[in-house]
PDB file of N, CA and C in Angstrom:
ATOM      1  N   MET A   1    -119.318 -86.074 129.168  1.00  0.00           N
ATOM      2  CA  MET A   1    -118.031 -85.929 129.840  1.00  0.00           C
ATOM      3  C   MET A   1    -117.831 -87.060 130.830  1.00  0.00           C
ATOM      4  N   THR A   2    -116.635 -87.169 131.298  1.00  0.00           N
ATOM      5  CA  THR A   2    -116.284 -88.247 132.212  1.00  0.00           C
ATOM      6  C   THR A   2    -116.546 -87.864 133.664  1.00  0.00           C
ATOM      7  N   GLY A   3    -117.069 -86.653 133.893  1.00  0.00           N
ATOM      8  CA  GLY A   3    -117.280 -86.202 135.262  1.00  0.00           C
ATOM      9  C   GLY A   3    -116.107 -85.410 135.795  1.00  0.00           C
ATOM     10  N   LYS A   4    -114.988 -85.394 135.073  1.00  0.00           N
ATOM     11  CA  LYS A   4    -113.823 -84.636 135.510  1.00  0.00           C
ATOM     12  C   LYS A   4    -114.042 -83.159 135.223  1.00  0.00           C
ATOM     13  N   GLU A   5    -113.436 -82.324 136.002  1.00  0.00           N
ATOM     14  CA  GLU A   5    -113.455 -80.896 135.718  1.00  0.00           C
ATOM     15  C   GLU A   5    -112.720 -80.669 134.409  1.00  0.00           C
ATOM     16  N   LEU A   6    -113.095 -79.623 133.695  1.00  0.00           N
ATOM     17  CA  LEU A   6    -112.456 -79.327 132.428  1.00  0.00           C
ATOM     18  C   LEU A   6    -111.049 -78.774 132.623  1.00  0.00           C
ATOM     19  N   ASN A   7    -110.735 -78.299 133.826  1.00  0.00           N
ATOM     20  CA  ASN A   7    -109.401 -77.790 134.126  1.00  0.00           C
ATOM     21  C   ASN A   7    -108.974 -76.689 133.165  1.00  0.00           C
ATOM     22  N   ALA A   8    -109.871 -75.790 132.816  1.00  0.00           N
ATOM     23  CA  ALA A   8    -109.534 -74.694 131.909  1.00  0.00           C
ATOM     24  C   ALA A   8    -108.421 -73.850 132.513  1.00  0.00           C
ATOM     25  N   GLN A   9    -107.517 -73.455 131.661  1.00  0.00           N
ATOM     26  CA  GLN A   9    -106.389 -72.628 132.068  1.00  0.00           C
ATOM     27  C   GLN A   9    -106.641 -71.203 131.587  1.00  0.00           C
ATOM     28  N   ASP A  10    -106.481 -70.232 132.484  1.00  0.00           N
ATOM     29  CA  ASP A  10    -106.769 -68.837 132.149  1.00  0.00           C
ATOM     30  C   ASP A  10    -105.930 -68.309 131.002  1.00  0.00           C
ATOM     31  N   ASP A  11    -104.722 -68.805 130.843  1.00  0.00           N
ATOM     32  CA  ASP A  11    -103.827 -68.289 129.813  1.00  0.00           C
ATOM     33  C   ASP A  11    -103.795 -69.149 128.548  1.00  0.00           C
ATOM     34  N   CYS A  12    -104.681 -70.102 128.410  1.00  0.00           N
ATOM     35  CA  CYS A  12    -104.692 -71.014 127.268  1.00  0.00           C
ATOM     36  C   CYS A  12    -105.689 -70.514 126.217  1.00  0.00           C
ATOM     37  N   ILE A  13    -105.183 -70.198 125.033  1.00  0.00           N
ATOM     38  CA  ILE A  13    -106.033 -69.703 123.956  1.00  0.00           C
ATOM     39  C   ILE A  13    -107.111 -70.715 123.579  1.00  0.00           C
ATOM     40  N   PHE A  14    -106.787 -72.006 123.589  1.00  0.00           N
ATOM     41  CA  PHE A  14    -107.791 -73.006 123.228  1.00  0.00           C
ATOM     42  C   PHE A  14    -108.878 -73.106 124.299  1.00  0.00           C
ATOM     43  N   CYS A  15    -108.516 -72.984 125.565  1.00  0.00           N
ATOM     44  CA  CYS A  15    -109.531 -72.980 126.626  1.00  0.00           C
ATOM     45  C   CYS A  15    -110.465 -71.784 126.458  1.00  0.00           C
ATOM     46  N   LYS A  16    -109.911 -70.649 126.044  1.00  0.00           N
ATOM     47  CA  LYS A  16    -110.728 -69.454 125.811  1.00  0.00           C
ATOM     48  C   LYS A  16    -111.655 -69.648 124.609  1.00  0.00           C
ATOM     49  N   ILE A  17    -111.148 -70.278 123.559  1.00  0.00           N
ATOM     50  CA  ILE A  17    -111.990 -70.563 122.395  1.00  0.00           C
ATOM     51  C   ILE A  17    -113.130 -71.490 122.795  1.00  0.00           C
ATOM     52  N   ILE A  18    -112.814 -72.550 123.528  1.00  0.00           N
ATOM     53  CA  ILE A  18    -113.822 -73.510 123.980  1.00  0.00           C
ATOM     54  C   ILE A  18    -114.873 -72.827 124.853  1.00  0.00           C
ATOM     55  N   ALA A  19    -114.441 -71.875 125.674  1.00  0.00           N
ATOM     56  CA  ALA A  19    -115.353 -71.151 126.564  1.00  0.00           C
ATOM     57  C   ALA A  19    -116.234 -70.150 125.818  1.00  0.00           C
ATOM     58  N   GLY A  20    -115.931 -69.904 124.546  1.00  0.00           N
ATOM     59  CA  GLY A  20    -116.740 -68.977 123.763  1.00  0.00           C
ATOM     60  C   GLY A  20    -116.251 -67.543 123.792  1.00  0.00           C
ATOM     61  N   ASP A  21    -115.049 -67.314 124.290  1.00  0.00           N
ATOM     62  CA  ASP A  21    -114.529 -65.954 124.423  1.00  0.00           C
ATOM     63  C   ASP A  21    -114.304 -65.254 123.079  1.00  0.00           C
ATOM     64  N   PHE A  22    -114.162 -66.008 121.990  1.00  0.00           N
ATOM     65  CA  PHE A  22    -113.847 -65.407 120.699  1.00  0.00           C
ATOM     66  C   PHE A  22    -114.929 -65.625 119.649  1.00  0.00           C
ATOM     67  N   ASN A  23    -116.070 -66.173 120.057  1.00  0.00           N
ATOM     68  CA  ASN A  23    -117.172 -66.391 119.126  1.00  0.00           C
ATOM     69  C   ASN A  23    -116.728 -67.211 117.909  1.00  0.00           C
ATOM     70  N   THR A  24    -115.922 -68.225 118.148  1.00  0.00           N
ATOM     71  CA  THR A  24    -115.386 -69.088 117.098  1.00  0.00           C
ATOM     72  C   THR A  24    -116.480 -70.020 116.573  1.00  0.00           C
ATOM     73  N   ASP A  25    -116.534 -70.163 115.257  1.00  0.00           N
ATOM     74  CA  ASP A  25    -117.460 -71.122 114.660  1.00  0.00           C
ATOM     75  C   ASP A  25    -116.849 -72.510 114.748  1.00  0.00           C
ATOM     76  N   PHE A  26    -117.570 -73.442 115.362  1.00  0.00           N
ATOM     77  CA  PHE A  26    -117.099 -74.805 115.467  1.00  0.00           C
ATOM     78  C   PHE A  26    -117.546 -75.605 114.249  1.00  0.00           C
ATOM     79  N   VAL A  27    -116.614 -76.301 113.651  1.00  0.00           N
ATOM     80  CA  VAL A  27    -116.883 -77.198 112.526  1.00  0.00           C
ATOM     81  C   VAL A  27    -117.604 -78.438 113.043  1.00  0.00           C
ATOM     82  N   TYR A  28    -117.211 -78.868 114.232  1.00  0.00           N
ATOM     83  CA  TYR A  28    -117.765 -80.063 114.876  1.00  0.00           C
ATOM     84  C   TYR A  28    -117.592 -79.887 116.371  1.00  0.00           C
ATOM     85  N   GLN A  29    -118.528 -80.447 117.136  1.00  0.00           N
ATOM     86  CA  GLN A  29    -118.358 -80.476 118.583  1.00  0.00           C
ATOM     87  C   GLN A  29    -119.194 -81.600 119.172  1.00  0.00           C
ATOM     88  N   ASP A  30    -118.697 -82.131 120.269  1.00  0.00           N
ATOM     89  CA  ASP A  30    -119.447 -83.100 121.058  1.00  0.00           C
ATOM     90  C   ASP A  30    -119.084 -82.869 122.519  1.00  0.00           C
ATOM     91  N   ASP A  31    -119.404 -83.792 123.387  1.00  0.00           N
ATOM     92  CA  ASP A  31    -119.143 -83.603 124.823  1.00  0.00           C
ATOM     93  C   ASP A  31    -117.662 -83.593 125.164  1.00  0.00           C
ATOM     94  N   TYR A  32    -116.818 -84.101 124.270  1.00  0.00           N
ATOM     95  CA  TYR A  32    -115.394 -84.250 124.565  1.00  0.00           C
ATOM     96  C   TYR A  32    -114.477 -83.302 123.806  1.00  0.00           C
ATOM     97  N   VAL A  33    -114.864 -82.936 122.582  1.00  0.00           N
ATOM     98  CA  VAL A  33    -113.976 -82.155 121.721  1.00  0.00           C
ATOM     99  C   VAL A  33    -114.736 -81.057 120.986  1.00  0.00           C
ATOM    100  N   VAL A  34    -113.961 -80.082 120.505  1.00  0.00           N
ATOM    101  CA  VAL A  34    -114.463 -79.100 119.553  1.00  0.00           C
ATOM    102  C   VAL A  34    -113.482 -79.081 118.386  1.00  0.00           C
ATOM    103  N   ALA A  35    -113.968 -78.707 117.211  1.00  0.00           N
ATOM    104  CA  ALA A  35    -113.114 -78.578 116.033  1.00  0.00           C
ATOM    105  C   ALA A  35    -113.403 -77.233 115.386  1.00  0.00           C
ATOM    106  N   PHE A  36    -112.330 -76.565 114.991  1.00  0.00           N
ATOM    107  CA  PHE A  36    -112.462 -75.251 114.347  1.00  0.00           C
ATOM    108  C   PHE A  36    -111.305 -75.073 113.378  1.00  0.00           C
ATOM    109  N   ASP A  37    -111.506 -74.198 112.407  1.00  0.00           N
ATOM    110  CA  ASP A  37    -110.486 -73.977 111.391  1.00  0.00           C
ATOM    111  C   ASP A  37    -109.312 -73.190 111.960  1.00  0.00           C
ATOM    112  N   ASP A  38    -108.112 -73.572 111.535  1.00  0.00           N
ATOM    113  CA  ASP A  38    -106.880 -72.905 111.962  1.00  0.00           C
ATOM    114  C   ASP A  38    -106.840 -71.491 111.394  1.00  0.00           C
ATOM    115  N   ILE A  39    -106.365 -70.517 112.178  1.00  0.00           N
ATOM    116  CA  ILE A  39    -106.309 -69.134 111.703  1.00  0.00           C
ATOM    117  C   ILE A  39    -105.147 -68.894 110.739  1.00  0.00           C
ATOM    118  N   SER A  40    -104.190 -69.814 110.704  1.00  0.00           N
ATOM    119  CA  SER A  40    -103.062 -69.740 109.767  1.00  0.00           C
ATOM    120  C   SER A  40    -102.976 -71.054 109.001  1.00  0.00           C
ATOM    121  N   PRO A  41    -103.930 -71.295 108.097  1.00  0.00           N
ATOM    122  CA  PRO A  41    -104.001 -72.615 107.444  1.00  0.00           C
ATOM    123  C   PRO A  41    -102.771 -72.935 106.605  1.00  0.00           C
ATOM    124  N   GLN A  42    -102.359 -74.191 106.677  1.00  0.00           N
ATOM    125  CA  GLN A  42    -101.227 -74.706 105.906  1.00  0.00           C
ATOM    126  C   GLN A  42    -101.690 -75.532 104.713  1.00  0.00           C
ATOM    127  N   ALA A  43    -102.997 -75.608 104.514  1.00  0.00           N
ATOM    128  CA  ALA A  43    -103.604 -76.343 103.402  1.00  0.00           C
ATOM    129  C   ALA A  43    -105.009 -75.766 103.221  1.00  0.00           C
ATOM    130  N   PRO A  44    -105.659 -76.046 102.075  1.00  0.00           N
ATOM    131  CA  PRO A  44    -107.025 -75.550 101.891  1.00  0.00           C
ATOM    132  C   PRO A  44    -107.971 -75.955 103.028  1.00  0.00           C
ATOM    133  N   VAL A  45    -107.794 -77.145 103.548  1.00  0.00           N
ATOM    134  CA  VAL A  45    -108.508 -77.578 104.755  1.00  0.00           C
ATOM    135  C   VAL A  45    -107.471 -77.719 105.855  1.00  0.00           C
ATOM    136  N   HIS A  46    -107.650 -76.979 106.920  1.00  0.00           N
ATOM    137  CA  HIS A  46    -106.765 -77.083 108.090  1.00  0.00           C
ATOM    138  C   HIS A  46    -107.621 -76.820 109.320  1.00  0.00           C
ATOM    139  N   THR A  47    -108.068 -77.895 109.917  1.00  0.00           N
ATOM    140  CA  THR A  47    -108.985 -77.835 111.056  1.00  0.00           C
ATOM    141  C   THR A  47    -108.308 -78.465 112.265  1.00  0.00           C
ATOM    142  N   LEU A  48    -108.495 -77.829 113.401  1.00  0.00           N
ATOM    143  CA  LEU A  48    -107.943 -78.334 114.664  1.00  0.00           C
ATOM    144  C   LEU A  48    -109.046 -79.033 115.445  1.00  0.00           C
ATOM    145  N   ILE A  49    -108.699 -80.159 116.039  1.00  0.00           N
ATOM    146  CA  ILE A  49    -109.615 -80.870 116.938  1.00  0.00           C
ATOM    147  C   ILE A  49    -108.979 -80.799 118.324  1.00  0.00           C
ATOM    148  N   VAL A  50    -109.732 -80.249 119.276  1.00  0.00           N
ATOM    149  CA  VAL A  50    -109.199 -79.901 120.586  1.00  0.00           C
ATOM    150  C   VAL A  50    -110.093 -80.492 121.677  1.00  0.00           C
ATOM    151  N   PRO A  51    -109.530 -81.200 122.643  1.00  0.00           N
ATOM    152  CA  PRO A  51    -110.351 -81.686 123.752  1.00  0.00           C
ATOM    153  C   PRO A  51    -110.884 -80.522 124.589  1.00  0.00           C
ATOM    154  N   ARG A  52    -112.089 -80.662 125.071  1.00  0.00           N
ATOM    155  CA  ARG A  52    -112.645 -79.647 125.976  1.00  0.00           C
ATOM    156  C   ARG A  52    -111.848 -79.597 127.283  1.00  0.00           C
ATOM    157  N   GLN A  53    -111.353 -80.734 127.701  1.00  0.00           N
ATOM    158  CA  GLN A  53    -110.542 -80.816 128.922  1.00  0.00           C
ATOM    159  C   GLN A  53    -109.140 -80.315 128.610  1.00  0.00           C
ATOM    160  N   HIS A  54    -108.595 -79.468 129.474  1.00  0.00           N
ATOM    161  CA  HIS A  54    -107.236 -78.977 129.254  1.00  0.00           C
ATOM    162  C   HIS A  54    -106.232 -80.083 129.573  1.00  0.00           C
ATOM    163  N   VAL A  55    -105.564 -80.517 128.528  1.00  0.00           N
ATOM    164  CA  VAL A  55    -104.485 -81.502 128.615  1.00  0.00           C
ATOM    165  C   VAL A  55    -103.342 -80.899 127.811  1.00  0.00           C
ATOM    166  N   ILE A  56    -102.158 -80.858 128.345  1.00  0.00           N
ATOM    167  CA  ILE A  56    -101.038 -80.200 127.672  1.00  0.00           C
ATOM    168  C   ILE A  56    -100.660 -80.924 126.386  1.00  0.00           C
ATOM    169  N   ASN A  57    -100.373 -82.199 126.479  1.00  0.00           N
ATOM    170  CA  ASN A  57    -100.043 -83.028 125.316  1.00  0.00           C
ATOM    171  C   ASN A  57    -100.075 -84.487 125.762  1.00  0.00           C
ATOM    172  N   LEU A  58     -99.569 -85.375 124.951  1.00  0.00           N
ATOM    173  CA  LEU A  58     -99.632 -86.804 125.281  1.00  0.00           C
ATOM    174  C   LEU A  58     -98.811 -87.166 126.507  1.00  0.00           C
ATOM    175  N   GLU A  59     -97.823 -86.357 126.840  1.00  0.00           N
ATOM    176  CA  GLU A  59     -97.020 -86.595 128.047  1.00  0.00           C
ATOM    177  C   GLU A  59     -97.788 -86.242 129.321  1.00  0.00           C
ATOM    178  N   ASP A  60     -98.938 -85.606 129.177  1.00  0.00           N
ATOM    179  CA  ASP A  60     -99.786 -85.233 130.301  1.00  0.00           C
ATOM    180  C   ASP A  60    -100.714 -86.387 130.695  1.00  0.00           C
ATOM    181  N   ASN A  61    -100.491 -87.575 130.097  1.00  0.00           N
ATOM    182  CA  ASN A  61    -101.256 -88.791 130.383  1.00  0.00           C
ATOM    183  C   ASN A  61    -102.770 -88.594 130.284  1.00  0.00           C
ATOM    184  N   PRO A  62    -103.254 -88.196 129.088  1.00  0.00           N
ATOM    185  CA  PRO A  62    -104.700 -88.019 128.935  1.00  0.00           C
ATOM    186  C   PRO A  62    -105.451 -89.333 129.106  1.00  0.00           C
ATOM    187  N   ASP A  63    -106.667 -89.208 129.566  1.00  0.00           N
ATOM    188  CA  ASP A  63    -107.554 -90.346 129.751  1.00  0.00           C
ATOM    189  C   ASP A  63    -107.723 -91.064 128.402  1.00  0.00           C
ATOM    190  N   PRO A  64    -107.560 -92.382 128.359  1.00  0.00           N
ATOM    191  CA  PRO A  64    -107.731 -93.117 127.098  1.00  0.00           C
ATOM    192  C   PRO A  64    -109.105 -92.875 126.446  1.00  0.00           C
ATOM    193  N   GLU A  65    -110.122 -92.684 127.259  1.00  0.00           N
ATOM    194  CA  GLU A  65    -111.458 -92.399 126.715  1.00  0.00           C
ATOM    195  C   GLU A  65    -111.461 -91.065 125.971  1.00  0.00           C
ATOM    196  N   LEU A  66    -110.751 -90.086 126.501  1.00  0.00           N
ATOM    197  CA  LEU A  66    -110.628 -88.787 125.841  1.00  0.00           C
ATOM    198  C   LEU A  66    -109.908 -88.947 124.504  1.00  0.00           C
ATOM    199  N   LEU A  67    -108.817 -89.717 124.484  1.00  0.00           N
ATOM    200  CA  LEU A  67    -108.079 -89.945 123.241  1.00  0.00           C
ATOM    201  C   LEU A  67    -108.937 -90.662 122.204  1.00  0.00           C
ATOM    202  N   LYS A  68    -109.736 -91.591 122.660  1.00  0.00           N
ATOM    203  CA  LYS A  68    -110.654 -92.299 121.761  1.00  0.00           C
ATOM    204  C   LYS A  68    -111.588 -91.304 121.079  1.00  0.00           C
ATOM    205  N   HIS A  69    -112.152 -90.399 121.840  1.00  0.00           N
ATOM    206  CA  HIS A  69    -113.066 -89.404 121.279  1.00  0.00           C
ATOM    207  C   HIS A  69    -112.331 -88.413 120.374  1.00  0.00           C
ATOM    208  N   LEU A  70    -111.135 -88.026 120.782  1.00  0.00           N
ATOM    209  CA  LEU A  70    -110.338 -87.094 119.981  1.00  0.00           C
ATOM    210  C   LEU A  70    -110.081 -87.674 118.593  1.00  0.00           C
ATOM    211  N   PHE A  71    -109.608 -88.922 118.548  1.00  0.00           N
ATOM    212  CA  PHE A  71    -109.262 -89.516 117.263  1.00  0.00           C
ATOM    213  C   PHE A  71    -110.476 -90.012 116.488  1.00  0.00           C
ATOM    214  N   SER A  72    -111.574 -90.319 117.158  1.00  0.00           N
ATOM    215  CA  SER A  72    -112.779 -90.689 116.402  1.00  0.00           C
ATOM    216  C   SER A  72    -113.404 -89.463 115.751  1.00  0.00           C
ATOM    217  N   ALA A  73    -113.114 -88.279 116.265  1.00  0.00           N
ATOM    218  CA  ALA A  73    -113.619 -87.048 115.653  1.00  0.00           C
ATOM    219  C   ALA A  73    -112.907 -86.739 114.340  1.00  0.00           C
ATOM    220  N   VAL A  74    -111.727 -87.297 114.128  1.00  0.00           N
ATOM    221  CA  VAL A  74    -110.958 -87.006 112.914  1.00  0.00           C
ATOM    222  C   VAL A  74    -111.759 -87.349 111.663  1.00  0.00           C
ATOM    223  N   SER A  75    -112.297 -88.552 111.579  1.00  0.00           N
ATOM    224  CA  SER A  75    -113.035 -88.943 110.372  1.00  0.00           C
ATOM    225  C   SER A  75    -114.316 -88.131 110.217  1.00  0.00           C
ATOM    226  N   LYS A  76    -114.927 -87.739 111.328  1.00  0.00           N
ATOM    227  CA  LYS A  76    -116.134 -86.904 111.257  1.00  0.00           C
ATOM    228  C   LYS A  76    -115.794 -85.532 110.682  1.00  0.00           C
ATOM    229  N   VAL A  77    -114.700 -84.954 111.132  1.00  0.00           N
ATOM    230  CA  VAL A  77    -114.269 -83.654 110.618  1.00  0.00           C
ATOM    231  C   VAL A  77    -113.875 -83.777 109.146  1.00  0.00           C
ATOM    232  N   ALA A  78    -113.174 -84.841 108.785  1.00  0.00           N
ATOM    233  CA  ALA A  78    -112.791 -85.043 107.382  1.00  0.00           C
ATOM    234  C   ALA A  78    -114.025 -85.128 106.485  1.00  0.00           C
ATOM    235  N   GLN A  79    -115.058 -85.790 106.955  1.00  0.00           N
ATOM    236  CA  GLN A  79    -116.312 -85.862 106.187  1.00  0.00           C
ATOM    237  C   GLN A  79    -116.949 -84.483 106.060  1.00  0.00           C
ATOM    238  N   ILE A  80    -117.051 -83.781 107.164  1.00  0.00           N
ATOM    239  CA  ILE A  80    -117.663 -82.449 107.159  1.00  0.00           C
ATOM    240  C   ILE A  80    -116.915 -81.520 106.213  1.00  0.00           C
ATOM    241  N   LYS A  81    -115.597 -81.612 106.203  1.00  0.00           N
ATOM    242  CA  LYS A  81    -114.771 -80.726 105.379  1.00  0.00           C
ATOM    243  C   LYS A  81    -114.602 -81.232 103.941  1.00  0.00           C
ATOM    244  N   GLY A  82    -115.128 -82.426 103.654  1.00  0.00           N
ATOM    245  CA  GLY A  82    -115.128 -82.944 102.290  1.00  0.00           C
ATOM    246  C   GLY A  82    -113.813 -83.530 101.816  1.00  0.00           C
ATOM    247  N   VAL A  83    -112.976 -83.980 102.736  1.00  0.00           N
ATOM    248  CA  VAL A  83    -111.685 -84.567 102.332  1.00  0.00           C
ATOM    249  C   VAL A  83    -111.582 -86.045 102.678  1.00  0.00           C
ATOM    250  N   ASN A  84    -112.664 -86.638 103.138  1.00  0.00           N
ATOM    251  CA  ASN A  84    -112.624 -88.038 103.563  1.00  0.00           C
ATOM    252  C   ASN A  84    -112.318 -88.987 102.412  1.00  0.00           C
ATOM    253  N   GLU A  85    -112.732 -88.653 101.205  1.00  0.00           N
ATOM    254  CA  GLU A  85    -112.473 -89.549 100.070  1.00  0.00           C
ATOM    255  C   GLU A  85    -111.167 -89.210  99.354  1.00  0.00           C
ATOM    256  N   SER A  86    -110.830 -87.946  99.264  1.00  0.00           N
ATOM    257  CA  SER A  86    -109.613 -87.543  98.554  1.00  0.00           C
ATOM    258  C   SER A  86    -108.355 -87.793  99.376  1.00  0.00           C
ATOM    259  N   GLY A  87    -108.510 -87.815 100.690  1.00  0.00           N
ATOM    260  CA  GLY A  87    -107.388 -88.064 101.583  1.00  0.00           C
ATOM    261  C   GLY A  87    -107.048 -86.842 102.422  1.00  0.00           C
ATOM    262  N   TYR A  88    -106.482 -87.105 103.564  1.00  0.00           N
ATOM    263  CA  TYR A  88    -106.120 -86.039 104.489  1.00  0.00           C
ATOM    264  C   TYR A  88    -104.966 -86.504 105.351  1.00  0.00           C
ATOM    265  N   ARG A  89    -104.308 -85.555 105.946  1.00  0.00           N
ATOM    266  CA  ARG A  89    -103.182 -85.832 106.839  1.00  0.00           C
ATOM    267  C   ARG A  89    -103.572 -85.357 108.230  1.00  0.00           C
ATOM    268  N   ILE A  90    -103.203 -86.145 109.244  1.00  0.00           N
ATOM    269  CA  ILE A  90    -103.386 -85.678 110.616  1.00  0.00           C
ATOM    270  C   ILE A  90    -102.012 -85.528 111.260  1.00  0.00           C
ATOM    271  N   ILE A  91    -101.887 -84.483 112.047  1.00  0.00           N
ATOM    272  CA  ILE A  91    -100.626 -84.186 112.725  1.00  0.00           C
ATOM    273  C   ILE A  91    -100.931 -83.863 114.174  1.00  0.00           C
ATOM    274  N   GLN A  92    -100.109 -84.380 115.064  1.00  0.00           N
ATOM    275  CA  GLN A  92    -100.188 -84.036 116.481  1.00  0.00           C
ATOM    276  C   GLN A  92     -98.772 -83.712 116.931  1.00  0.00           C
ATOM    277  N   ASN A  93     -98.499 -82.445 117.133  1.00  0.00           N
ATOM    278  CA  ASN A  93     -97.182 -82.013 117.602  1.00  0.00           C
ATOM    279  C   ASN A  93     -97.145 -82.151 119.118  1.00  0.00           C
ATOM    280  N   ASN A  94     -96.157 -82.861 119.606  1.00  0.00           N
ATOM    281  CA  ASN A  94     -96.092 -83.176 121.034  1.00  0.00           C
ATOM    282  C   ASN A  94     -94.817 -82.605 121.648  1.00  0.00           C
ATOM    283  N   GLY A  95     -94.926 -81.402 122.193  1.00  0.00           N
ATOM    284  CA  GLY A  95     -93.788 -80.750 122.832  1.00  0.00           C
ATOM    285  C   GLY A  95     -93.156 -79.697 121.942  1.00  0.00           C
ATOM    286  N   ARG A  96     -92.435 -78.803 122.569  1.00  0.00           N
ATOM    287  CA  ARG A  96     -91.808 -77.675 121.885  1.00  0.00           C
ATOM    288  C   ARG A  96     -90.909 -78.124 120.727  1.00  0.00           C
ATOM    289  N   GLY A  97     -90.104 -79.167 120.943  1.00  0.00           N
ATOM    290  CA  GLY A  97     -89.190 -79.649 119.917  1.00  0.00           C
ATOM    291  C   GLY A  97     -89.887 -80.207 118.691  1.00  0.00           C
ATOM    292  N   ALA A  98     -91.146 -80.594 118.830  1.00  0.00           N
ATOM    293  CA  ALA A  98     -91.918 -81.118 117.701  1.00  0.00           C
ATOM    294  C   ALA A  98     -92.739 -80.025 117.026  1.00  0.00           C
ATOM    295  N   GLY A  99     -92.650 -78.802 117.538  1.00  0.00           N
ATOM    296  CA  GLY A  99     -93.378 -77.690 116.934  1.00  0.00           C
ATOM    297  C   GLY A  99     -94.679 -77.336 117.619  1.00  0.00           C
ATOM    298  N   GLN A 100     -94.944 -77.915 118.794  1.00  0.00           N
ATOM    299  CA  GLN A 100     -96.167 -77.547 119.510  1.00  0.00           C
ATOM    300  C   GLN A 100     -96.020 -76.116 120.010  1.00  0.00           C
ATOM    301  N   THR A 101     -96.954 -75.253 119.620  1.00  0.00           N
ATOM    302  CA  THR A 101     -96.906 -73.849 120.037  1.00  0.00           C
ATOM    303  C   THR A 101     -98.027 -73.480 120.992  1.00  0.00           C
ATOM    304  N   VAL A 102     -99.131 -74.228 120.961  1.00  0.00           N
ATOM    305  CA  VAL A 102    -100.211 -74.049 121.936  1.00  0.00           C
ATOM    306  C   VAL A 102    -100.206 -75.302 122.796  1.00  0.00           C
ATOM    307  N   PHE A 103     -99.979 -75.116 124.081  1.00  0.00           N
ATOM    308  CA  PHE A 103     -99.804 -76.263 124.969  1.00  0.00           C
ATOM    309  C   PHE A 103    -101.132 -76.721 125.559  1.00  0.00           C
ATOM    310  N   HIS A 104    -101.981 -77.147 124.630  1.00  0.00           N
ATOM    311  CA  HIS A 104    -103.271 -77.791 124.884  1.00  0.00           C
ATOM    312  C   HIS A 104    -103.358 -78.831 123.772  1.00  0.00           C
ATOM    313  N   LEU A 105    -103.441 -80.087 124.139  1.00  0.00           N
ATOM    314  CA  LEU A 105    -103.471 -81.178 123.174  1.00  0.00           C
ATOM    315  C   LEU A 105    -104.419 -80.854 122.019  1.00  0.00           C
ATOM    316  N   HIS A 106    -103.980 -81.085 120.794  1.00  0.00           N
ATOM    317  CA  HIS A 106    -104.831 -80.897 119.629  1.00  0.00           C
ATOM    318  C   HIS A 106    -104.277 -81.675 118.440  1.00  0.00           C
ATOM    319  N   VAL A 107    -105.165 -81.956 117.500  1.00  0.00           N
ATOM    320  CA  VAL A 107    -104.823 -82.671 116.286  1.00  0.00           C
ATOM    321  C   VAL A 107    -105.157 -81.759 115.107  1.00  0.00           C
ATOM    322  N   HIS A 108    -104.233 -81.667 114.158  1.00  0.00           N
ATOM    323  CA  HIS A 108    -104.457 -80.930 112.919  1.00  0.00           C
ATOM    324  C   HIS A 108    -104.988 -81.904 111.877  1.00  0.00           C
ATOM    325  N   VAL A 109    -106.045 -81.526 111.183  1.00  0.00           N
ATOM    326  CA  VAL A 109    -106.551 -82.276 110.032  1.00  0.00           C
ATOM    327  C   VAL A 109    -106.319 -81.386 108.822  1.00  0.00           C
ATOM    328  N   LEU A 110    -105.471 -81.864 107.906  1.00  0.00           N
ATOM    329  CA  LEU A 110    -105.124 -81.092 106.717  1.00  0.00           C
ATOM    330  C   LEU A 110    -105.535 -81.846 105.469  1.00  0.00           C
ATOM    331  N   GLY A 111    -106.066 -81.138 104.492  1.00  0.00           N
ATOM    332  CA  GLY A 111    -106.468 -81.769 103.253  1.00  0.00           C
ATOM    333  C   GLY A 111    -106.784 -80.733 102.195  1.00  0.00           C
ATOM    334  N   GLY A 112    -107.321 -81.227 101.090  1.00  0.00           N
ATOM    335  CA  GLY A 112    -107.700 -80.334 100.002  1.00  0.00           C
ATOM    336  C   GLY A 112    -106.583 -80.072  99.017  1.00  0.00           C
ATOM    337  N   LYS A 113    -105.466 -80.762  99.192  1.00  0.00           N
ATOM    338  CA  LYS A 113    -104.357 -80.676  98.249  1.00  0.00           C
ATOM    339  C   LYS A 113    -103.600 -81.992  98.316  1.00  0.00           C
ATOM    340  N   ARG A 114    -102.739 -82.210  97.355  1.00  0.00           N
ATOM    341  CA  ARG A 114    -101.896 -83.407  97.366  1.00  0.00           C
ATOM    342  C   ARG A 114    -100.645 -83.095  98.170  1.00  0.00           C
ATOM    343  N   PHE A 115    -100.356 -83.935  99.142  1.00  0.00           N
ATOM    344  CA  PHE A 115     -99.167 -83.764  99.977  1.00  0.00           C
ATOM    345  C   PHE A 115     -98.023 -84.577  99.410  1.00  0.00           C
ATOM    346  N   SER A 116     -96.813 -84.120  99.661  1.00  0.00           N
ATOM    347  CA  SER A 116     -95.651 -84.894  99.244  1.00  0.00           C
ATOM    348  C   SER A 116     -95.535 -86.127 100.125  1.00  0.00           C
ATOM    349  N   GLU A 117     -94.842 -87.120  99.624  1.00  0.00           N
ATOM    350  CA  GLU A 117     -94.612 -88.317 100.422  1.00  0.00           C
ATOM    351  C   GLU A 117     -93.583 -87.999 101.489  1.00  0.00           C
ATOM    352  N   GLY A 118     -93.599 -88.729 102.542  1.00  0.00           N
ATOM    353  CA  GLY A 118     -92.653 -88.512 103.633  1.00  0.00           C
ATOM    354  C   GLY A 118     -93.253 -87.630 104.715  1.00  0.00           C
ATOM    355  N   MET A 119     -92.504 -87.456 105.731  1.00  0.00           N
ATOM    356  CA  MET A 119     -93.015 -86.744 106.901  1.00  0.00           C
ATOM    357  C   MET A 119     -92.419 -85.351 107.078  1.00  0.00           C
ATOM    358  N   ALA A 120     -91.333 -85.034 106.425  1.00  0.00           N
ATOM    359  CA  ALA A 120     -90.687 -83.747 106.650  1.00  0.00           C
ATOM    360  C   ALA A 120     -91.114 -82.725 105.628  1.00  0.00           C
TER     361      ALA A 120
END
């Protein structure tokens, strides 16, 4: 860690998962992030990568070092989930208008199927 407090929020489901409140199985974890499967998967592989530090989204000005670790975990999770060669999509919803429903920065890694071209 960077020495900063994790700033866990009592009402944040991801902070509770990180704290171990739900006995969630982590697909991957290191000092900066945890990864776990989404409870409502949108693809055969749908894993969330979440910083241990509570950051709302990119507008919360996360530490660049934290972002580096967050995005470097993507390829590690893709390998673990077996989609690194077939391909995968990453999504980061930033704000209510973009579909963010849990206000703790996170990245979705989706794979295991062929996605349509385009973003919508």
